[in-house]
Every structure is written in structure tokens, then in C-alpha cells.
C-alpha atoms as a PDB file:
ATOM      1  CA  MET A   1      11.413  -9.171 -78.452  1.00  0.00           C
ATOM      2  CA  SER A   2       7.826  -7.997 -77.595  1.00  0.00           C
ATOM      3  CA  TYR A   3       8.279  -6.198 -73.958  1.00  0.00           C
ATOM      4  CA  THR A   4       5.336  -8.232 -72.964  1.00  0.00           C
ATOM      5  CA  ALA A   5       6.126  -8.106 -68.959  1.00  0.00           C
ATOM      6  CA  LEU A   6       7.933  -4.493 -69.323  1.00  0.00           C
ATOM      7  CA  GLY A   7       5.018  -2.895 -70.974  1.00  0.00           C
ATOM      8  CA  ALA A   8       2.954  -1.865 -68.202  1.00  0.00           C
ATOM      9  CA  VAL A   9       5.826  -0.703 -65.982  1.00  0.00           C
ATOM     10  CA  TYR A  10       8.348   0.834 -68.676  1.00  0.00           C
ATOM     11  CA  ASP A  11       7.542   4.187 -68.397  1.00  0.00           C
ATOM     12  CA  ARG A  12       8.304   4.254 -64.630  1.00  0.00           C
ATOM     13  CA  PHE A  13      11.471   2.700 -65.135  1.00  0.00           C
ATOM     14  CA  THR A  14      12.892   4.912 -67.814  1.00  0.00           C
ATOM     15  CA  ALA A  15      11.765   8.222 -65.899  1.00  0.00           C
ATOM     16  CA  ASP A  16      15.051   9.234 -66.283  1.00  0.00           C
ATOM     17  CA  VAL A  17      15.404   9.617 -69.673  1.00  0.00           C
ATOM     18  CA  ASP A  18      15.315  12.977 -71.152  1.00  0.00           C
ATOM     19  CA  TYR A  19      12.887  11.985 -73.946  1.00  0.00           C
ATOM     20  CA  LYS A  20      12.151  16.187 -74.553  1.00  0.00           C
ATOM     21  CA  SER A  21      15.891  16.496 -74.845  1.00  0.00           C
ATOM     22  CA  LEU A  22      16.547  13.482 -77.086  1.00  0.00           C
ATOM     23  CA  ALA A  23      13.759  14.817 -79.533  1.00  0.00           C
ATOM     24  CA  GLY A  24      15.572  18.161 -80.163  1.00  0.00           C
ATOM     25  CA  TYR A  25      18.735  16.326 -80.735  1.00  0.00           C
ATOM     26  CA  VAL A  26      17.178  14.106 -83.037  1.00  0.00           C
ATOM     27  CA  SER A  27      15.466  16.919 -84.799  1.00  0.00           C
ATOM     28  CA  GLU A  28      18.680  18.826 -84.911  1.00  0.00           C
ATOM     29  CA  LEU A  29      20.651  15.844 -86.806  1.00  0.00           C
ATOM     30  CA  LEU A  30      17.643  16.102 -89.121  1.00  0.00           C
ATOM     31  CA  ARG A  31      17.636  19.495 -89.418  1.00  0.00           C
ATOM     32  CA  ARG A  32      21.226  19.194 -90.679  1.00  0.00           C
ATOM     33  CA  ALA A  33      20.423  16.471 -93.264  1.00  0.00           C
ATOM     34  CA  GLY A  34      17.850  18.749 -94.696  1.00  0.00           C
ATOM     35  CA  VAL A  35      14.549  17.336 -93.135  1.00  0.00           C
ATOM     36  CA  ASP A  36      12.737  20.076 -91.353  1.00  0.00           C
ATOM     37  CA  GLY A  37       8.745  18.702 -90.717  1.00  0.00           C
ATOM     38  CA  GLY A  38       7.099  16.297 -92.643  1.00  0.00           C
ATOM     39  CA  ILE A  39       5.998  12.466 -91.993  1.00  0.00           C
ATOM     40  CA  LEU A  40       8.234  10.999 -89.609  1.00  0.00           C
ATOM     41  CA  LEU A  41       8.429   7.470 -88.337  1.00  0.00           C
ATOM     42  CA  ASP A  42       9.342   6.406 -84.626  1.00  0.00           C
ATOM     43  CA  LEU A  43      10.533   3.028 -85.226  1.00  0.00           C
ATOM     44  CA  ALA A  44      10.053   0.464 -82.238  1.00  0.00           C
ATOM     45  CA  CYS A  45       8.145   3.585 -80.763  1.00  0.00           C
ATOM     46  CA  GLY A  46       7.664   1.440 -77.274  1.00  0.00           C
ATOM     47  CA  THR A  47       5.305   3.547 -75.313  1.00  0.00           C
ATOM     48  CA  GLY A  48       5.300   6.337 -77.682  1.00  0.00           C
ATOM     49  CA  THR A  49       6.987   8.901 -75.192  1.00  0.00           C
ATOM     50  CA  LEU A  50       9.566  10.209 -77.920  1.00  0.00           C
ATOM     51  CA  SER A  51       6.798  10.315 -80.423  1.00  0.00           C
ATOM     52  CA  PHE A  52       4.725  12.667 -78.456  1.00  0.00           C
ATOM     53  CA  GLU A  53       7.758  14.842 -78.364  1.00  0.00           C
ATOM     54  CA  LEU A  54       8.740  14.827 -82.111  1.00  0.00           C
ATOM     55  CA  ALA A  55       5.022  15.409 -82.364  1.00  0.00           C
ATOM     56  CA  ARG A  56       5.198  18.610 -80.715  1.00  0.00           C
ATOM     57  CA  LEU A  57       7.945  19.622 -82.790  1.00  0.00           C
ATOM     58  CA  GLY A  58       5.704  19.773 -85.654  1.00  0.00           C
ATOM     59  CA  TYR A  59       6.445  16.303 -87.226  1.00  0.00           C
ATOM     60  CA  ASP A  60       3.379  13.958 -88.763  1.00  0.00           C
ATOM     61  CA  VAL A  61       4.699  10.982 -86.599  1.00  0.00           C
ATOM     62  CA  ILE A  62       3.575   7.343 -87.149  1.00  0.00           C
ATOM     63  CA  GLY A  63       4.952   5.187 -83.881  1.00  0.00           C
ATOM     64  CA  ALA A  64       5.640   1.517 -85.154  1.00  0.00           C
ATOM     65  CA  ASP A  65       6.082  -1.228 -82.640  1.00  0.00           C
ATOM     66  CA  GLY A  66       5.921  -4.766 -82.412  1.00  0.00           C
ATOM     67  CA  SER A  67       4.501  -5.030 -79.046  1.00  0.00           C
ATOM     68  CA  GLU A  68       1.070  -4.991 -78.294  1.00  0.00           C
ATOM     69  CA  GLU A  69       1.606  -4.042 -74.333  1.00  0.00           C
ATOM     70  CA  MET A  70       3.731  -1.218 -75.093  1.00  0.00           C
ATOM     71  CA  LEU A  71       1.670   0.261 -77.695  1.00  0.00           C
ATOM     72  CA  THR A  72      -1.272  -0.030 -75.279  1.00  0.00           C
ATOM     73  CA  GLN A  73       0.250   2.388 -73.096  1.00  0.00           C
ATOM     74  CA  ALA A  74       1.119   4.637 -75.892  1.00  0.00           C
ATOM     75  CA  GLN A  75      -2.535   4.540 -77.047  1.00  0.00           C
ATOM     76  CA  SER A  76      -3.504   5.090 -73.282  1.00  0.00           C
ATOM     77  CA  LYS A  77      -1.517   8.622 -73.723  1.00  0.00           C
ATOM     78  CA  LEU A  78      -3.733   9.254 -76.569  1.00  0.00           C
ATOM     79  CA  TYR A  79      -6.901   8.639 -74.571  1.00  0.00           C
ATOM     80  CA  SER A  80      -6.044  10.830 -72.063  1.00  0.00           C
ATOM     81  CA  GLY A  81      -5.482  13.814 -73.984  1.00  0.00           C
ATOM     82  CA  GLU A  82      -1.672  14.179 -73.615  1.00  0.00           C
ATOM     83  CA  LEU A  83      -1.467  15.811 -77.082  1.00  0.00           C
ATOM     84  CA  SER A  84      -4.501  16.942 -78.805  1.00  0.00           C
ATOM     85  CA  ASP A  85      -3.162  18.925 -81.446  1.00  0.00           C
ATOM     86  CA  ASN A  86      -1.457  16.718 -84.230  1.00  0.00           C
ATOM     87  CA  PRO A  87      -0.988  13.491 -82.331  1.00  0.00           C
ATOM     88  CA  PRO A  88       0.987  10.802 -83.620  1.00  0.00           C
ATOM     89  CA  GLN A  89      -0.468   7.599 -85.238  1.00  0.00           C
ATOM     90  CA  PHE A  90       0.248   4.571 -83.763  1.00  0.00           C
ATOM     91  CA  ILE A  91       0.632   0.796 -85.435  1.00  0.00           C
ATOM     92  CA  LEU A  92       1.272  -2.551 -84.507  1.00  0.00           C
ATOM     93  CA  GLN A  93       4.064  -3.599 -86.848  1.00  0.00           C
ATOM     94  CA  ASP A  94       7.341  -5.579 -86.325  1.00  0.00           C
ATOM     95  CA  MET A  95      10.284  -3.937 -87.623  1.00  0.00           C
ATOM     96  CA  ARG A  96      11.580  -6.485 -89.856  1.00  0.00           C
ATOM     97  CA  SER A  97       8.328  -6.842 -91.689  1.00  0.00           C
ATOM     98  CA  LEU A  98       7.316  -2.909 -91.881  1.00  0.00           C
ATOM     99  CA  ASP A  99       4.902  -1.910 -94.695  1.00  0.00           C
ATOM    100  CA  LEU A 100       3.575   1.476 -94.908  1.00  0.00           C
ATOM    101  CA  PHE A 101       0.876   2.986 -96.805  1.00  0.00           C
ATOM    102  CA  GLY A 102       2.855   5.556 -98.178  1.00  0.00           C
ATOM    103  CA  THR A 103       6.506   7.463 -97.831  1.00  0.00           C
ATOM    104  CA  ILE A 104       7.815   8.698 -95.002  1.00  0.00           C
ATOM    105  CA  ARG A 105      10.313  11.890 -94.876  1.00  0.00           C
ATOM    106  CA  ALA A 106      12.588  10.521 -92.273  1.00  0.00           C
ATOM    107  CA  CYS A 107      12.716   7.788 -89.620  1.00  0.00           C
ATOM    108  CA  VAL A 108      14.213   7.749 -86.248  1.00  0.00           C
ATOM    109  CA  SER A 109      14.801   4.580 -83.642  1.00  0.00           C
ATOM    110  CA  THR A 110      16.448   5.194 -80.154  1.00  0.00           C
ATOM    111  CA  GLN A 111      16.827   3.304 -77.324  1.00  0.00           C
ATOM    112  CA  ASP A 112      19.125   0.648 -78.780  1.00  0.00           C
ATOM    113  CA  SER A 113      15.968  -0.436 -80.422  1.00  0.00           C
ATOM    114  CA  LEU A 114      18.296  -1.933 -83.747  1.00  0.00           C
ATOM    115  CA  ASN A 115      20.794  -3.690 -81.194  1.00  0.00           C
ATOM    116  CA  HIS A 116      17.441  -6.080 -80.655  1.00  0.00           C
ATOM    117  CA  ILE A 117      18.081  -7.497 -84.158  1.00  0.00           C
ATOM    118  CA  THR A 118      20.882 -10.081 -83.662  1.00  0.00           C
ATOM    119  CA  ASP A 119      20.758 -11.284 -86.854  1.00  0.00           C
ATOM    120  CA  GLU A 120      22.604  -9.426 -89.682  1.00  0.00           C
ATOM    121  CA  GLY A 121      20.459 -10.459 -92.450  1.00  0.00           C
ATOM    122  CA  GLU A 122      17.258  -9.281 -90.669  1.00  0.00           C
ATOM    123  CA  LEU A 123      19.040  -6.011 -89.541  1.00  0.00           C
ATOM    124  CA  ALA A 124      19.779  -5.696 -93.472  1.00  0.00           C
ATOM    125  CA  GLU A 125      15.945  -6.274 -94.110  1.00  0.00           C
ATOM    126  CA  VAL A 126      15.220  -3.126 -91.423  1.00  0.00           C
ATOM    127  CA  LEU A 127      17.057  -1.066 -93.036  1.00  0.00           C
ATOM    128  CA  ARG A 128      16.280  -2.139 -96.703  1.00  0.00           C
ATOM    129  CA  ARG A 129      12.808  -1.463 -95.867  1.00  0.00           C
ATOM    130  CA  VAL A 130      13.333   1.987 -94.134  1.00  0.00           C
ATOM    131  CA  SER A 131      14.872   3.251 -96.967  1.00  0.00           C
ATOM    132  CA  LEU A 132      12.206   1.761 -99.197  1.00  0.00           C
ATOM    133  CA  PHE A 133       9.550   3.855 -97.629  1.00  0.00           C
ATOM    134  CA  THR A 134      11.510   6.998 -97.318  1.00  0.00           C
ATOM    135  CA  GLU A 135      11.929   9.883 -99.901  1.00  0.00           C
ATOM    136  CA  PRO A 136      14.948  10.854-101.528  1.00  0.00           C
ATOM    137  CA  GLY A 137      16.828  13.247 -99.668  1.00  0.00           C
ATOM    138  CA  GLY A 138      15.016  11.843 -96.507  1.00  0.00           C
ATOM    139  CA  ALA A 139      16.871  10.842 -93.583  1.00  0.00           C
ATOM    140  CA  LEU A 140      17.438   7.890 -90.840  1.00  0.00           C
ATOM    141  CA  VAL A 141      18.560   8.744 -87.321  1.00  0.00           C
ATOM    142  CA  PHE A 142      19.062   5.620 -85.038  1.00  0.00           C
ATOM    143  CA  ASP A 143      21.725   4.734 -82.286  1.00  0.00           C
ATOM    144  CA  MET A 144      23.185   1.715 -80.867  1.00  0.00           C
ATOM    145  CA  ASN A 145      24.944   0.264 -77.809  1.00  0.00           C
ATOM    146  CA  THR A 146      28.611   0.177 -78.025  1.00  0.00           C
ATOM    147  CA  LYS A 147      30.916  -2.887 -77.386  1.00  0.00           C
ATOM    148  CA  ARG A 148      32.333  -0.899 -74.484  1.00  0.00           C
ATOM    149  CA  LYS A 149      28.808  -0.346 -73.031  1.00  0.00           C
ATOM    150  CA  PHE A 150      27.957  -4.344 -73.556  1.00  0.00           C
ATOM    151  CA  GLU A 151      31.061  -5.251 -71.979  1.00  0.00           C
ATOM    152  CA  LYS A 152      30.743  -2.664 -68.763  1.00  0.00           C
ATOM    153  CA  MET A 153      26.967  -4.774 -68.228  1.00  0.00           C
ATOM    154  CA  ASP A 154      28.387  -8.372 -69.115  1.00  0.00           C
ATOM    155  CA  GLY A 155      27.860 -10.415 -65.980  1.00  0.00           C
ATOM    156  CA  SER A 156      26.184  -7.479 -63.927  1.00  0.00           C
ATOM    157  CA  ALA A 157      22.535  -7.144 -62.325  1.00  0.00           C
ATOM    158  CA  PHE A 158      20.643  -4.339 -62.126  1.00  0.00           C
ATOM    159  CA  VAL A 159      17.600  -3.287 -59.983  1.00  0.00           C
ATOM    160  CA  ASP A 160      14.721  -0.419 -60.498  1.00  0.00           C
ATOM    161  CA  GLU A 161      11.887  -0.305 -57.901  1.00  0.00           C
ATOM    162  CA  ASP A 162       9.262   1.932 -56.657  1.00  0.00           C
ATOM    163  CA  SER A 163       6.623   1.854 -54.019  1.00  0.00           C
ATOM    164  CA  ASP A 164       4.605  -1.114 -56.214  1.00  0.00           C
ATOM    165  CA  ALA A 165       6.835  -2.324 -58.458  1.00  0.00           C
ATOM    166  CA  LEU A 166      10.420  -4.110 -58.886  1.00  0.00           C
ATOM    167  CA  CYS A 167      12.175  -4.570 -61.884  1.00  0.00           C
ATOM    168  CA  LEU A 168      15.622  -6.939 -61.822  1.00  0.00           C
ATOM    169  CA  TRP A 169      17.563  -7.162 -64.922  1.00  0.00           C
ATOM    170  CA  ARG A 170      20.774  -9.391 -65.420  1.00  0.00           C
ATOM    171  CA  VAL A 171      23.176  -9.617 -68.213  1.00  0.00           C
ATOM    172  CA  ALA A 172      25.179 -12.141 -69.957  1.00  0.00           C
ATOM    173  CA  GLY A 173      27.210 -11.918 -73.121  1.00  0.00           C
ATOM    174  CA  LYS A 174      28.159 -14.718 -75.459  1.00  0.00           C
ATOM    175  CA  GLY A 175      30.472 -13.446 -78.255  1.00  0.00           C
ATOM    176  CA  ASP A 176      28.605 -10.492 -79.661  1.00  0.00           C
ATOM    177  CA  ILE A 177      25.315 -11.294 -78.333  1.00  0.00           C
ATOM    178  CA  TYR A 178      23.918 -10.711 -74.972  1.00  0.00           C
ATOM    179  CA  GLU A 179      21.159 -12.033 -73.141  1.00  0.00           C
ATOM    180  CA  TYR A 180      19.025  -9.753 -70.861  1.00  0.00           C
ATOM    181  CA  THR A 181      16.664 -11.633 -68.102  1.00  0.00           C
ATOM    182  CA  VAL A 182      14.098  -9.694 -66.753  1.00  0.00           C
ATOM    183  CA  ASP A 183      12.173 -10.189 -63.688  1.00  0.00           C
ATOM    184  CA  VAL A 184       9.086  -7.848 -63.081  1.00  0.00           C
ATOM    185  CA  PHE A 185       7.421  -7.789 -59.422  1.00  0.00           C
ATOM    186  CA  GLU A 186       4.278  -5.829 -58.899  1.00  0.00           C
ATOM    187  CA  ARG A 187       2.242  -5.234 -56.246  1.00  0.00           C
ATOM    188  CA  ALA A 188      -1.419  -5.509 -56.127  1.00  0.00           C
ATOM    189  CA  LYS A 189      -3.594  -5.451 -52.763  1.00  0.00           C
ATOM    190  CA  ASN A 190      -0.566  -6.552 -50.945  1.00  0.00           C
ATOM    191  CA  VAL A 191       0.374  -9.405 -52.955  1.00  0.00           C
ATOM    192  CA  TRP A 192       3.209  -9.490 -55.569  1.00  0.00           C
ATOM    193  CA  ARG A 193       3.169 -10.876 -59.008  1.00  0.00           C
ATOM    194  CA  ARG A 194       6.066 -12.139 -60.799  1.00  0.00           C
ATOM    195  CA  ASN A 195       6.596 -11.784 -64.594  1.00  0.00           C
ATOM    196  CA  SER A 196       9.734 -13.006 -66.397  1.00  0.00           C
ATOM    197  CA  GLU A 197      11.179 -12.674 -69.882  1.00  0.00           C
ATOM    198  CA  VAL A 198      14.241 -13.154 -72.052  1.00  0.00           C
ATOM    199  CA  PHE A 199      15.622 -11.011 -74.764  1.00  0.00           C
ATOM    200  CA  PHE A 200      18.740 -10.621 -76.867  1.00  0.00           C
ATOM    201  CA  GLU A 201      21.011  -7.796 -78.036  1.00  0.00           C
ATOM    202  CA  ARG A 202      23.881  -7.752 -80.271  1.00  0.00           C
ATOM    203  CA  HIS A 203      26.879  -5.910 -80.851  1.00  0.00           C
ATOM    204  CA  TYR A 204      27.352  -4.592 -84.424  1.00  0.00           C
ATOM    205  CA  ALA A 205      30.640  -2.705 -85.794  1.00  0.00           C
ATOM    206  CA  PRO A 206      29.684   0.823 -86.721  1.00  0.00           C
ATOM    207  CA  GLU A 207      31.633  -0.056 -89.958  1.00  0.00           C
ATOM    208  CA  ARG A 208      29.654  -2.996 -91.024  1.00  0.00           C
ATOM    209  CA  VAL A 209      26.499  -0.801 -89.874  1.00  0.00           C
ATOM    210  CA  THR A 210      27.719   1.892 -92.619  1.00  0.00           C
ATOM    211  CA  GLU A 211      28.100  -1.004 -95.425  1.00  0.00           C
ATOM    212  CA  LEU A 212      24.494  -2.248 -94.681  1.00  0.00           C
ATOM    213  CA  LEU A 213      23.138   1.373 -94.621  1.00  0.00           C
ATOM    214  CA  HIS A 214      25.042   1.698 -98.327  1.00  0.00           C
ATOM    215  CA  SER A 215      23.811  -1.677 -99.493  1.00  0.00           C
ATOM    216  CA  ALA A 216      20.069  -0.261 -98.526  1.00  0.00           C
ATOM    217  CA  GLY A 217      20.383   2.558-100.531  1.00  0.00           C
ATOM    218  CA  PHE A 218      21.081   5.463 -98.049  1.00  0.00           C
ATOM    219  CA  ALA A 219      24.028   7.595 -99.985  1.00  0.00           C
ATOM    220  CA  GLU A 220      25.830   9.354 -96.729  1.00  0.00           C
ATOM    221  CA  VAL A 221      26.240   8.014 -93.332  1.00  0.00           C
ATOM    222  CA  ASP A 222      27.867   9.979 -90.526  1.00  0.00           C
ATOM    223  CA  ILE A 223      28.598   8.484 -86.632  1.00  0.00           C
ATOM    224  CA  PHE A 224      27.984  10.867 -83.820  1.00  0.00           C
ATOM    225  CA  GLY A 225      28.771  10.247 -79.859  1.00  0.00           C
ATOM    226  CA  GLU A 226      25.800   9.914 -77.806  1.00  0.00           C
ATOM    227  CA  ARG A 227      23.685  13.351 -78.440  1.00  0.00           C
ATOM    228  CA  SER A 228      26.816  14.781 -79.635  1.00  0.00           C
ATOM    229  CA  PHE A 229      27.624  16.423 -83.032  1.00  0.00           C
ATOM    230  CA  GLU A 230      31.238  15.361 -83.008  1.00  0.00           C
ATOM    231  CA  ARG A 231      32.836  11.632 -83.836  1.00  0.00           C
ATOM    232  CA  PRO A 232      32.234   9.463 -81.075  1.00  0.00           C
ATOM    233  CA  LYS A 233      35.187   9.162 -78.515  1.00  0.00           C
ATOM    234  CA  GLU A 234      36.559   5.954 -77.388  1.00  0.00           C
ATOM    235  CA  ASP A 235      34.703   6.068 -74.259  1.00  0.00           C
ATOM    236  CA  GLU A 236      31.303   6.479 -75.579  1.00  0.00           C
ATOM    237  CA  ASP A 237      28.459   4.005 -74.428  1.00  0.00           C
ATOM    238  CA  ARG A 238      26.027   4.700 -77.088  1.00  0.00           C
ATOM    239  CA  ILE A 239      26.536   6.011 -80.901  1.00  0.00           C
ATOM    240  CA  PHE A 240      24.151   7.766 -83.200  1.00  0.00           C
ATOM    241  CA  PHE A 241      23.858   7.416 -86.886  1.00  0.00           C
ATOM    242  CA  LEU A 242      22.664   9.703 -89.871  1.00  0.00           C
ATOM    243  CA  ALA A 243      21.920   8.363 -92.886  1.00  0.00           C
ATOM    244  CA  ARG A 244      20.694  10.694 -95.761  1.00  0.00           C
ATOM    245  CA  LYS A 245      18.902   9.007 -98.771  1.00  0.00           C
END
């Protein structure tokens, strides 16, 4: 899933995401796993907002994403001088074929990025590759949408808009696979242009994800509620995994 149509407007329609708070939460999970600094991979980093926040916390951040359009936005933040001291480095890589030049101390992946991997074998390969490049004693933190959230969205339509852009999302589920149809309308000189794309997400049972993590080489796995340090509740829309190498 490349986020071709969404790339240019993604930040405008995710302004409600508190990335600073998210970075603090992820950093605390890593600290509890014994990781405090070092090289950190932000997997499926998108436009790099979280990458910058993690870099501000002292990590040496590598942001990897498979979308040229999203990374163009991330690179523009570098050129604007958003963070001149210890800025992230961005690389164009699909997470399913991750190939780094060296090892990392930790990896994070947020905003349900791993739900986009709809083939279980491919998800297992992503986790295996992350484990391959993670140092002993390192950690992986990622989130996933829950079945409850997918069921709430199934059959629904959502609209985000501002003065010059409108984004229409429609969600339809079949089994554990959910199809997102996205139409982005942008205005330029009083002319509206429409771009559309379709992508998919899959629900994975937490127990199965835990098994895949163990198979990939992660020894310990904990699961938390959204931005919580407690076990997930039944009404969670998103859960977090903390896996230790």
C-alpha cells in the first residue's frame, strides 16, 4: 500500500494525532525493555512526523517507508530545517524486503502499519527481517487495530476536509480483510482534482501475532492497551505490542 493519493495531504488530515505524546509513550515502553537511546528504525514512517519526535528524544532515527510520496513529505521537513540537530535519515524500502546496512537497537511501527500486511506469511517475513537487524537485548514496539475497531468501521464512510482539500474514506469488510476506498479532492486555482486509491488491512488475533514474534526470534512479548501500560481492555480500538530480542 503506497499512499499515492494521500501522500500530499496526509499531514493535514492527521493533525489530531499527538505524535509528541506517542513518541513519549513508545520511548517509555522501550525504556522498560532496557532500551534507552541508540539507533532506532521507524518502520513505515510515512511523512516522518514520529521520526522527528523520536529524534528529539535522543534516538538516532532511520525512517523507512515504501511510499515515495510519503517520503517526499518527510524529506521536505528536513529541507525546511525542522530538526537541524541529529535529524532522521529516510530510506525508501518496503518493510517486506527490509535490508539495512547494519544493526539497530530498536524498531517502532505505529498507526496500524502492520495491519496493512494482509498475508500472514508476509507479516512473518517482516517480523523476521526486523529481528534479523535488531541487536540482542533490543526491542520492537508496534500497534495494531483490534477486531472491535474494524467492526465499528465496517460499512461506514468518513469525511475529512479543509478549505482546499477533502478526503472521503469508505470501509468494507469481508472476513478478517477490510477494504479502504479513498478519494482525495484537492483544489488548485478553483479547479478540483480527484485522486483515488484502494488499500487493505487485516485483523490478526493477538495470540497469533505473539506466536509469529516468537518464531521470528523475539523471546518476550507483552501486549498493552492503547497508550497504556496495562493489559488491553475488551473495548480497545488499538493495542500495542512490546517484543524483546
